[in-house]
């Protein structure tokens, strides 16, 4: 499969991503991660992919021991600079997430902000297996993403949004769902007064049960799903899904 992410995350989106996010948003997301993963004080946590490292840095501030992995050396360089400025100890690594080879090294792991499903079905399953192997017994893996049950009720083939107004930058997202491949095919056009630059994405859209079964096949036991950002159970029409798979637990009888 074409590695679309190589170009996408080194293009206009990289500059937007590396500008950072509101601190309040990061704090809220990290609080949710701590609760959903049931992290104990001092837990070792894998952030994959970590981007510019905002979640890992906040976890380190709270006394956890994060490792952040991302293929993008520019994002990792920024993450290291920000961690140093914050006095946060984080092990940031430039690494292909498909090649994780740790064994029982982490108490928890997370793949946040829709970063699961970039690869082929076989590679997505293999990535989940590698995360399962990297977790200690009873560790948990959280995936934040859209599943079909969250996306379909709100799906729009085209959206405009402001990234910023000074200097002006607008984003046009055009989307189709390929029913044969089960993938969302998107074009993001970044529009400024000087013109537009477009990049493409192709992300696997799993149904709730399909993703649950993938995680169980990967070696996880119990699976629970929340509305991302809260500890409320995931339901049809929830804005996003955070699926939490526990290593060594019994399969969830629901579904």
C-alpha atoms as a PDB file:
ATOM      1  CA  UNK A   1       0.000   0.000   0.000  1.00  0.00           C
ATOM      2  CA  UNK A   2       1.212   3.487  -0.879  1.00  0.00           C
ATOM      3  CA  UNK A   3       2.748   5.210   2.135  1.00  0.00           C
ATOM      4  CA  UNK A   4       0.547   8.320   1.891  1.00  0.00           C
ATOM      5  CA  UNK A   5       1.454   9.321   5.450  1.00  0.00           C
ATOM      6  CA  UNK A   6       5.072   9.996   4.412  1.00  0.00           C
ATOM      7  CA  UNK A   7       3.989  12.978   2.314  1.00  0.00           C
ATOM      8  CA  UNK A   8       0.977  14.024   4.373  1.00  0.00           C
ATOM      9  CA  UNK A   9       2.778  14.389   7.701  1.00  0.00           C
ATOM     10  CA  UNK A  10       5.708  16.205   6.131  1.00  0.00           C
ATOM     11  CA  UNK A  11       3.495  18.653   4.264  1.00  0.00           C
ATOM     12  CA  UNK A  12       1.213  21.508   5.347  1.00  0.00           C
ATOM     13  CA  UNK A  13      -0.328  19.452   8.149  1.00  0.00           C
ATOM     14  CA  UNK A  14       3.105  19.017   9.740  1.00  0.00           C
ATOM     15  CA  UNK A  15       3.458  22.792  10.131  1.00  0.00           C
ATOM     16  CA  UNK A  16      -0.017  23.042  11.653  1.00  0.00           C
ATOM     17  CA  UNK A  17       0.595  20.106  13.992  1.00  0.00           C
ATOM     18  CA  UNK A  18       3.930  21.425  15.191  1.00  0.00           C
ATOM     19  CA  UNK A  19       2.434  24.801  16.055  1.00  0.00           C
ATOM     20  CA  UNK A  20       0.873  23.005  19.014  1.00  0.00           C
ATOM     21  CA  UNK A  21      -2.540  22.622  20.631  1.00  0.00           C
ATOM     22  CA  UNK A  22      -4.227  24.433  23.525  1.00  0.00           C
ATOM     23  CA  UNK A  23      -2.826  23.302  26.855  1.00  0.00           C
ATOM     24  CA  UNK A  24      -6.337  22.837  28.254  1.00  0.00           C
ATOM     25  CA  UNK A  25      -7.171  20.342  25.519  1.00  0.00           C
ATOM     26  CA  UNK A  26      -4.019  18.333  26.176  1.00  0.00           C
ATOM     27  CA  UNK A  27      -4.677  18.273  29.934  1.00  0.00           C
ATOM     28  CA  UNK A  28      -8.226  17.014  29.403  1.00  0.00           C
ATOM     29  CA  UNK A  29      -7.116  14.309  26.971  1.00  0.00           C
ATOM     30  CA  UNK A  30      -4.347  13.093  29.267  1.00  0.00           C
ATOM     31  CA  UNK A  31      -6.734  12.929  32.226  1.00  0.00           C
ATOM     32  CA  UNK A  32      -9.011  10.780  30.098  1.00  0.00           C
ATOM     33  CA  UNK A  33      -6.118   8.532  29.048  1.00  0.00           C
ATOM     34  CA  UNK A  34      -5.036   8.031  32.658  1.00  0.00           C
ATOM     35  CA  UNK A  35      -8.566   7.089  33.702  1.00  0.00           C
ATOM     36  CA  UNK A  36      -9.385   4.871  30.722  1.00  0.00           C
ATOM     37  CA  UNK A  37      -6.077   2.991  30.898  1.00  0.00           C
ATOM     38  CA  UNK A  38      -6.270   2.825  34.713  1.00  0.00           C
ATOM     39  CA  UNK A  39      -2.654   3.906  34.994  1.00  0.00           C
ATOM     40  CA  UNK A  40      -1.019   3.544  38.378  1.00  0.00           C
ATOM     41  CA  UNK A  41       1.482   6.170  39.570  1.00  0.00           C
ATOM     42  CA  UNK A  42       4.818   5.839  37.785  1.00  0.00           C
ATOM     43  CA  UNK A  43       3.458   3.561  35.054  1.00  0.00           C
ATOM     44  CA  UNK A  44       5.451   3.064  31.859  1.00  0.00           C
ATOM     45  CA  UNK A  45       3.350   4.192  28.889  1.00  0.00           C
ATOM     46  CA  UNK A  46       3.794   3.846  25.122  1.00  0.00           C
ATOM     47  CA  UNK A  47       2.522   6.761  22.965  1.00  0.00           C
ATOM     48  CA  UNK A  48       2.396   5.572  19.340  1.00  0.00           C
ATOM     49  CA  UNK A  49       2.477   7.543  17.122  1.00  0.00           C
ATOM     50  CA  UNK A  50       3.307  10.503  19.320  1.00  0.00           C
ATOM     51  CA  UNK A  51       3.584  13.391  16.840  1.00  0.00           C
ATOM     52  CA  UNK A  52       4.975  16.445  18.599  1.00  0.00           C
ATOM     53  CA  UNK A  53       4.726  14.646  21.944  1.00  0.00           C
ATOM     54  CA  UNK A  54       2.178  16.751  23.816  1.00  0.00           C
ATOM     55  CA  UNK A  55       0.507  13.775  25.531  1.00  0.00           C
ATOM     56  CA  UNK A  56       3.806  12.182  26.532  1.00  0.00           C
ATOM     57  CA  UNK A  57       5.144  15.447  27.929  1.00  0.00           C
ATOM     58  CA  UNK A  58       2.040  15.965  30.061  1.00  0.00           C
ATOM     59  CA  UNK A  59       2.183  12.342  31.249  1.00  0.00           C
ATOM     60  CA  UNK A  60       5.802  12.896  32.313  1.00  0.00           C
ATOM     61  CA  UNK A  61       4.767  16.034  34.207  1.00  0.00           C
ATOM     62  CA  UNK A  62       2.323  13.867  36.135  1.00  0.00           C
ATOM     63  CA  UNK A  63       4.967  11.355  37.147  1.00  0.00           C
ATOM     64  CA  UNK A  64       4.504   8.669  34.489  1.00  0.00           C
ATOM     65  CA  UNK A  65       7.299   7.194  32.357  1.00  0.00           C
ATOM     66  CA  UNK A  66       6.311   7.700  28.701  1.00  0.00           C
ATOM     67  CA  UNK A  67       7.981   6.516  25.517  1.00  0.00           C
ATOM     68  CA  UNK A  68       6.931   8.349  22.350  1.00  0.00           C
ATOM     69  CA  UNK A  69       7.418   6.813  18.900  1.00  0.00           C
ATOM     70  CA  UNK A  70       6.943   8.518  15.531  1.00  0.00           C
ATOM     71  CA  UNK A  71       8.406   8.079  12.048  1.00  0.00           C
ATOM     72  CA  UNK A  72       8.694  11.849  11.533  1.00  0.00           C
ATOM     73  CA  UNK A  73      12.095  13.078  12.651  1.00  0.00           C
ATOM     74  CA  UNK A  74      10.909  16.703  12.526  1.00  0.00           C
ATOM     75  CA  UNK A  75       8.088  16.002  14.978  1.00  0.00           C
ATOM     76  CA  UNK A  76      10.426  14.096  17.302  1.00  0.00           C
ATOM     77  CA  UNK A  77      12.935  16.960  17.239  1.00  0.00           C
ATOM     78  CA  UNK A  78      10.199  19.387  18.331  1.00  0.00           C
ATOM     79  CA  UNK A  79       8.981  16.925  20.970  1.00  0.00           C
ATOM     80  CA  UNK A  80      12.462  16.654  22.470  1.00  0.00           C
ATOM     81  CA  UNK A  81      12.871  20.441  22.561  1.00  0.00           C
ATOM     82  CA  UNK A  82       9.521  20.913  24.288  1.00  0.00           C
ATOM     83  CA  UNK A  83      10.187  18.137  26.774  1.00  0.00           C
ATOM     84  CA  UNK A  84      13.508  19.703  27.706  1.00  0.00           C
ATOM     85  CA  UNK A  85      11.887  23.128  28.088  1.00  0.00           C
ATOM     86  CA  UNK A  86       9.220  21.615  30.329  1.00  0.00           C
ATOM     87  CA  UNK A  87      11.720  19.639  32.410  1.00  0.00           C
ATOM     88  CA  UNK A  88       9.870  16.463  31.396  1.00  0.00           C
ATOM     89  CA  UNK A  89      11.726  13.180  31.011  1.00  0.00           C
ATOM     90  CA  UNK A  90      10.407  11.360  27.932  1.00  0.00           C
ATOM     91  CA  UNK A  91      12.065   8.720  25.758  1.00  0.00           C
ATOM     92  CA  UNK A  92      11.268  10.030  22.262  1.00  0.00           C
ATOM     93  CA  UNK A  93      12.312   7.794  19.353  1.00  0.00           C
ATOM     94  CA  UNK A  94      12.249   8.112  15.563  1.00  0.00           C
ATOM     95  CA  UNK A  95      10.815   4.725  14.692  1.00  0.00           C
ATOM     96  CA  UNK A  96       8.324   3.013  12.364  1.00  0.00           C
ATOM     97  CA  UNK A  97       5.343   2.023  14.537  1.00  0.00           C
ATOM     98  CA  UNK A  98       4.977  -1.161  12.465  1.00  0.00           C
ATOM     99  CA  UNK A  99       8.339  -2.375  13.778  1.00  0.00           C
ATOM    100  CA  UNK A 100       7.734  -2.199  17.539  1.00  0.00           C
ATOM    101  CA  UNK A 101       9.653  -5.113  19.015  1.00  0.00           C
ATOM    102  CA  UNK A 102       9.448  -4.659  22.802  1.00  0.00           C
ATOM    103  CA  UNK A 103       8.285  -7.456  25.102  1.00  0.00           C
ATOM    104  CA  UNK A 104       6.341  -6.755  28.331  1.00  0.00           C
ATOM    105  CA  UNK A 105       7.906  -3.295  28.670  1.00  0.00           C
ATOM    106  CA  UNK A 106       4.835  -1.071  29.219  1.00  0.00           C
ATOM    107  CA  UNK A 107       1.903  -0.854  31.609  1.00  0.00           C
ATOM    108  CA  UNK A 108      -0.254   0.912  29.040  1.00  0.00           C
ATOM    109  CA  UNK A 109      -0.232   2.119  25.444  1.00  0.00           C
ATOM    110  CA  UNK A 110      -2.335   4.453  23.336  1.00  0.00           C
ATOM    111  CA  UNK A 111      -2.845   5.370  19.683  1.00  0.00           C
ATOM    112  CA  UNK A 112      -4.683   8.686  19.817  1.00  0.00           C
ATOM    113  CA  UNK A 113      -6.307  11.146  17.416  1.00  0.00           C
ATOM    114  CA  UNK A 114      -7.356   8.742  14.654  1.00  0.00           C
ATOM    115  CA  UNK A 115      -3.903   7.287  14.040  1.00  0.00           C
ATOM    116  CA  UNK A 116      -4.997   3.641  13.754  1.00  0.00           C
ATOM    117  CA  UNK A 117      -5.875   2.166  10.361  1.00  0.00           C
ATOM    118  CA  UNK A 118      -3.273   3.816   8.135  1.00  0.00           C
ATOM    119  CA  UNK A 119      -1.954   0.508   6.812  1.00  0.00           C
ATOM    120  CA  UNK A 120      -3.287  -2.625   5.130  1.00  0.00           C
ATOM    121  CA  UNK A 121      -5.547  -4.921   7.150  1.00  0.00           C
ATOM    122  CA  UNK A 122      -2.670  -7.341   7.697  1.00  0.00           C
ATOM    123  CA  UNK A 123      -0.322  -4.567   8.847  1.00  0.00           C
ATOM    124  CA  UNK A 124      -2.951  -3.067  11.171  1.00  0.00           C
ATOM    125  CA  UNK A 125      -3.425  -6.471  12.813  1.00  0.00           C
ATOM    126  CA  UNK A 126       0.321  -6.993  13.079  1.00  0.00           C
ATOM    127  CA  UNK A 127       0.729  -3.575  14.711  1.00  0.00           C
ATOM    128  CA  UNK A 128      -1.906  -4.489  17.315  1.00  0.00           C
ATOM    129  CA  UNK A 129      -0.123  -7.794  17.958  1.00  0.00           C
ATOM    130  CA  UNK A 130       3.159  -5.980  18.482  1.00  0.00           C
ATOM    131  CA  UNK A 131       1.535  -3.608  20.975  1.00  0.00           C
ATOM    132  CA  UNK A 132       0.031  -6.573  22.826  1.00  0.00           C
ATOM    133  CA  UNK A 133       3.456  -8.174  23.053  1.00  0.00           C
ATOM    134  CA  UNK A 134       4.969  -4.892  24.281  1.00  0.00           C
ATOM    135  CA  UNK A 135       2.518  -4.674  27.199  1.00  0.00           C
ATOM    136  CA  UNK A 136       3.008  -6.242  30.579  1.00  0.00           C
ATOM    137  CA  UNK A 137       0.393  -8.766  31.721  1.00  0.00           C
ATOM    138  CA  UNK A 138      -2.906  -6.942  32.381  1.00  0.00           C
ATOM    139  CA  UNK A 139      -1.688  -3.822  30.546  1.00  0.00           C
ATOM    140  CA  UNK A 140      -4.177  -1.979  28.332  1.00  0.00           C
ATOM    141  CA  UNK A 141      -4.132  -0.440  24.862  1.00  0.00           C
ATOM    142  CA  UNK A 142      -6.402   2.522  23.986  1.00  0.00           C
ATOM    143  CA  UNK A 143      -7.266   3.415  20.397  1.00  0.00           C
ATOM    144  CA  UNK A 144      -9.089   6.712  19.760  1.00  0.00           C
ATOM    145  CA  UNK A 145     -10.743   6.818  16.339  1.00  0.00           C
ATOM    146  CA  UNK A 146     -13.935   6.882  14.335  1.00  0.00           C
ATOM    147  CA  UNK A 147     -15.663   3.563  13.864  1.00  0.00           C
ATOM    148  CA  UNK A 148     -18.511   3.171  11.398  1.00  0.00           C
ATOM    149  CA  UNK A 149     -21.074   3.616  14.182  1.00  0.00           C
ATOM    150  CA  UNK A 150     -19.665   7.040  15.092  1.00  0.00           C
ATOM    151  CA  UNK A 151     -18.860   8.291  11.595  1.00  0.00           C
ATOM    152  CA  UNK A 152     -21.900   7.323   9.542  1.00  0.00           C
ATOM    153  CA  UNK A 153     -24.441   9.453  11.477  1.00  0.00           C
ATOM    154  CA  UNK A 154     -22.303  12.574  10.980  1.00  0.00           C
ATOM    155  CA  UNK A 155     -20.610  11.805   7.661  1.00  0.00           C
ATOM    156  CA  UNK A 156     -20.274  14.721   5.258  1.00  0.00           C
ATOM    157  CA  UNK A 157     -18.576  14.398   1.855  1.00  0.00           C
ATOM    158  CA  UNK A 158     -17.184  17.948   2.087  1.00  0.00           C
ATOM    159  CA  UNK A 159     -16.308  20.348   4.917  1.00  0.00           C
ATOM    160  CA  UNK A 160     -14.667  23.750   5.178  1.00  0.00           C
ATOM    161  CA  UNK A 161     -12.971  24.854   8.400  1.00  0.00           C
ATOM    162  CA  UNK A 162     -10.695  27.652   9.552  1.00  0.00           C
ATOM    163  CA  UNK A 163      -7.292  26.522  10.799  1.00  0.00           C
ATOM    164  CA  UNK A 164      -6.401  30.110  11.632  1.00  0.00           C
ATOM    165  CA  UNK A 165      -7.435  33.580  10.520  1.00  0.00           C
ATOM    166  CA  UNK A 166      -4.160  35.481  10.872  1.00  0.00           C
ATOM    167  CA  UNK A 167      -2.501  34.690   8.562  1.00  0.00           C
ATOM    168  CA  UNK A 168      -5.579  33.132   6.931  1.00  0.00           C
ATOM    169  CA  UNK A 169      -5.561  29.376   6.408  1.00  0.00           C
ATOM    170  CA  UNK A 170      -8.641  27.342   5.551  1.00  0.00           C
ATOM    171  CA  UNK A 171      -8.973  23.590   5.153  1.00  0.00           C
ATOM    172  CA  UNK A 172     -11.257  21.886   2.650  1.00  0.00           C
ATOM    173  CA  UNK A 173     -11.814  18.186   3.364  1.00  0.00           C
ATOM    174  CA  UNK A 174     -13.356  16.061   0.604  1.00  0.00           C
ATOM    175  CA  UNK A 175     -14.189  12.472   1.565  1.00  0.00           C
ATOM    176  CA  UNK A 176     -15.516   9.295   0.045  1.00  0.00           C
ATOM    177  CA  UNK A 177     -16.058   5.879   1.625  1.00  0.00           C
ATOM    178  CA  UNK A 178     -14.890   2.935  -0.449  1.00  0.00           C
ATOM    179  CA  UNK A 179     -17.304   0.172   0.511  1.00  0.00           C
ATOM    180  CA  UNK A 180     -15.157  -2.529  -1.104  1.00  0.00           C
ATOM    181  CA  UNK A 181     -11.959  -1.703   0.787  1.00  0.00           C
ATOM    182  CA  UNK A 182     -13.633  -0.306   3.899  1.00  0.00           C
ATOM    183  CA  UNK A 183     -11.464   2.803   3.725  1.00  0.00           C
ATOM    184  CA  UNK A 184     -12.090   6.530   3.906  1.00  0.00           C
ATOM    185  CA  UNK A 185     -10.374   8.209   0.965  1.00  0.00           C
ATOM    186  CA  UNK A 186      -9.839  11.917   1.622  1.00  0.00           C
ATOM    187  CA  UNK A 187      -8.249  14.946   0.027  1.00  0.00           C
ATOM    188  CA  UNK A 188      -7.269  17.818   2.302  1.00  0.00           C
ATOM    189  CA  UNK A 189      -6.728  21.154   0.539  1.00  0.00           C
ATOM    190  CA  UNK A 190      -4.939  23.844   2.541  1.00  0.00           C
ATOM    191  CA  UNK A 191      -6.004  27.226   1.159  1.00  0.00           C
ATOM    192  CA  UNK A 192      -4.175  30.539   1.716  1.00  0.00           C
ATOM    193  CA  UNK A 193      -4.361  33.863  -0.156  1.00  0.00           C
ATOM    194  CA  UNK A 194      -1.405  32.600  -2.205  1.00  0.00           C
ATOM    195  CA  UNK A 195      -3.160  29.442  -3.408  1.00  0.00           C
ATOM    196  CA  UNK A 196      -3.942  25.880  -2.357  1.00  0.00           C
ATOM    197  CA  UNK A 197      -1.912  22.751  -1.662  1.00  0.00           C
ATOM    198  CA  UNK A 198      -3.584  19.327  -1.449  1.00  0.00           C
ATOM    199  CA  UNK A 199      -2.668  16.035   0.208  1.00  0.00           C
ATOM    200  CA  UNK A 200      -4.458  12.671   0.225  1.00  0.00           C
ATOM    201  CA  UNK A 201      -5.263  10.242   3.035  1.00  0.00           C
ATOM    202  CA  UNK A 202      -6.517   6.654   3.079  1.00  0.00           C
ATOM    203  CA  UNK A 203      -7.651   5.305   6.458  1.00  0.00           C
ATOM    204  CA  UNK A 204      -9.332   2.000   7.256  1.00  0.00           C
ATOM    205  CA  UNK A 205     -12.802   2.479   8.719  1.00  0.00           C
ATOM    206  CA  UNK A 206     -13.594  -0.387  11.073  1.00  0.00           C
ATOM    207  CA  UNK A 207     -16.980  -1.232  12.460  1.00  0.00           C
ATOM    208  CA  UNK A 208     -17.192  -1.562  16.239  1.00  0.00           C
ATOM    209  CA  UNK A 209     -17.372  -5.358  16.256  1.00  0.00           C
ATOM    210  CA  UNK A 210     -14.786  -5.652  13.483  1.00  0.00           C
ATOM    211  CA  UNK A 211     -12.230  -3.653  15.497  1.00  0.00           C
ATOM    212  CA  UNK A 212     -13.094  -5.513  18.689  1.00  0.00           C
ATOM    213  CA  UNK A 213     -12.505  -8.843  16.935  1.00  0.00           C
ATOM    214  CA  UNK A 214      -9.195  -7.578  15.503  1.00  0.00           C
ATOM    215  CA  UNK A 215      -7.964  -6.743  18.991  1.00  0.00           C
ATOM    216  CA  UNK A 216      -8.976 -10.117  20.378  1.00  0.00           C
ATOM    217  CA  UNK A 217      -7.238 -11.818  17.447  1.00  0.00           C
ATOM    218  CA  UNK A 218      -4.153  -9.720  18.238  1.00  0.00           C
ATOM    219  CA  UNK A 219      -3.950 -11.268  21.707  1.00  0.00           C
ATOM    220  CA  UNK A 220      -6.089  -9.033  23.891  1.00  0.00           C
ATOM    221  CA  UNK A 221      -8.865 -10.297  26.132  1.00  0.00           C
ATOM    222  CA  UNK A 222     -11.357  -7.848  27.584  1.00  0.00           C
ATOM    223  CA  UNK A 223     -12.451  -4.951  25.361  1.00  0.00           C
ATOM    224  CA  UNK A 224     -14.337  -1.884  26.584  1.00  0.00           C
ATOM    225  CA  UNK A 225     -15.306   1.188  24.583  1.00  0.00           C
ATOM    226  CA  UNK A 226     -15.888   4.754  25.778  1.00  0.00           C
ATOM    227  CA  UNK A 227     -16.924   7.992  24.200  1.00  0.00           C
ATOM    228  CA  UNK A 228     -13.559   9.663  23.675  1.00  0.00           C
ATOM    229  CA  UNK A 229     -12.970  12.243  26.385  1.00  0.00           C
ATOM    230  CA  UNK A 230     -15.365  10.744  28.909  1.00  0.00           C
ATOM    231  CA  UNK A 231     -15.843   7.499  30.758  1.00  0.00           C
ATOM    232  CA  UNK A 232     -19.352   7.160  29.339  1.00  0.00           C
ATOM    233  CA  UNK A 233     -19.941   3.955  27.363  1.00  0.00           C
ATOM    234  CA  UNK A 234     -19.615   4.235  23.616  1.00  0.00           C
ATOM    235  CA  UNK A 235     -22.958   4.171  21.825  1.00  0.00           C
ATOM    236  CA  UNK A 236     -24.157   4.418  18.252  1.00  0.00           C
ATOM    237  CA  UNK A 237     -23.827   8.066  17.272  1.00  0.00           C
ATOM    238  CA  UNK A 238     -21.131   8.940  19.838  1.00  0.00           C
ATOM    239  CA  UNK A 239     -18.795  11.579  18.425  1.00  0.00           C
ATOM    240  CA  UNK A 240     -15.707   9.333  18.664  1.00  0.00           C
ATOM    241  CA  UNK A 241     -14.760   5.925  20.041  1.00  0.00           C
ATOM    242  CA  UNK A 242     -11.959   5.038  22.443  1.00  0.00           C
ATOM    243  CA  UNK A 243     -11.637   1.274  22.474  1.00  0.00           C
ATOM    244  CA  UNK A 244      -9.603  -0.103  25.380  1.00  0.00           C
ATOM    245  CA  UNK A 245      -8.251  -3.636  25.061  1.00  0.00           C
ATOM    246  CA  UNK A 246      -6.824  -5.371  28.126  1.00  0.00           C
ATOM    247  CA  UNK A 247      -4.070  -7.951  27.859  1.00  0.00           C
ATOM    248  CA  UNK A 248      -4.988 -11.176  29.595  1.00  0.00           C
ATOM    249  CA  UNK A 249      -8.585 -10.311  30.418  1.00  0.00           C
ATOM    250  CA  UNK A 250     -11.608 -12.338  29.447  1.00  0.00           C
ATOM    251  CA  UNK A 251     -13.379 -11.335  26.221  1.00  0.00           C
ATOM    252  CA  UNK A 252     -16.206  -8.903  26.742  1.00  0.00           C
ATOM    253  CA  UNK A 253     -19.466 -10.843  26.289  1.00  0.00           C
ATOM    254  CA  UNK A 254     -21.191  -7.753  24.843  1.00  0.00           C
ATOM    255  CA  UNK A 255     -21.140  -7.756  21.065  1.00  0.00           C
END
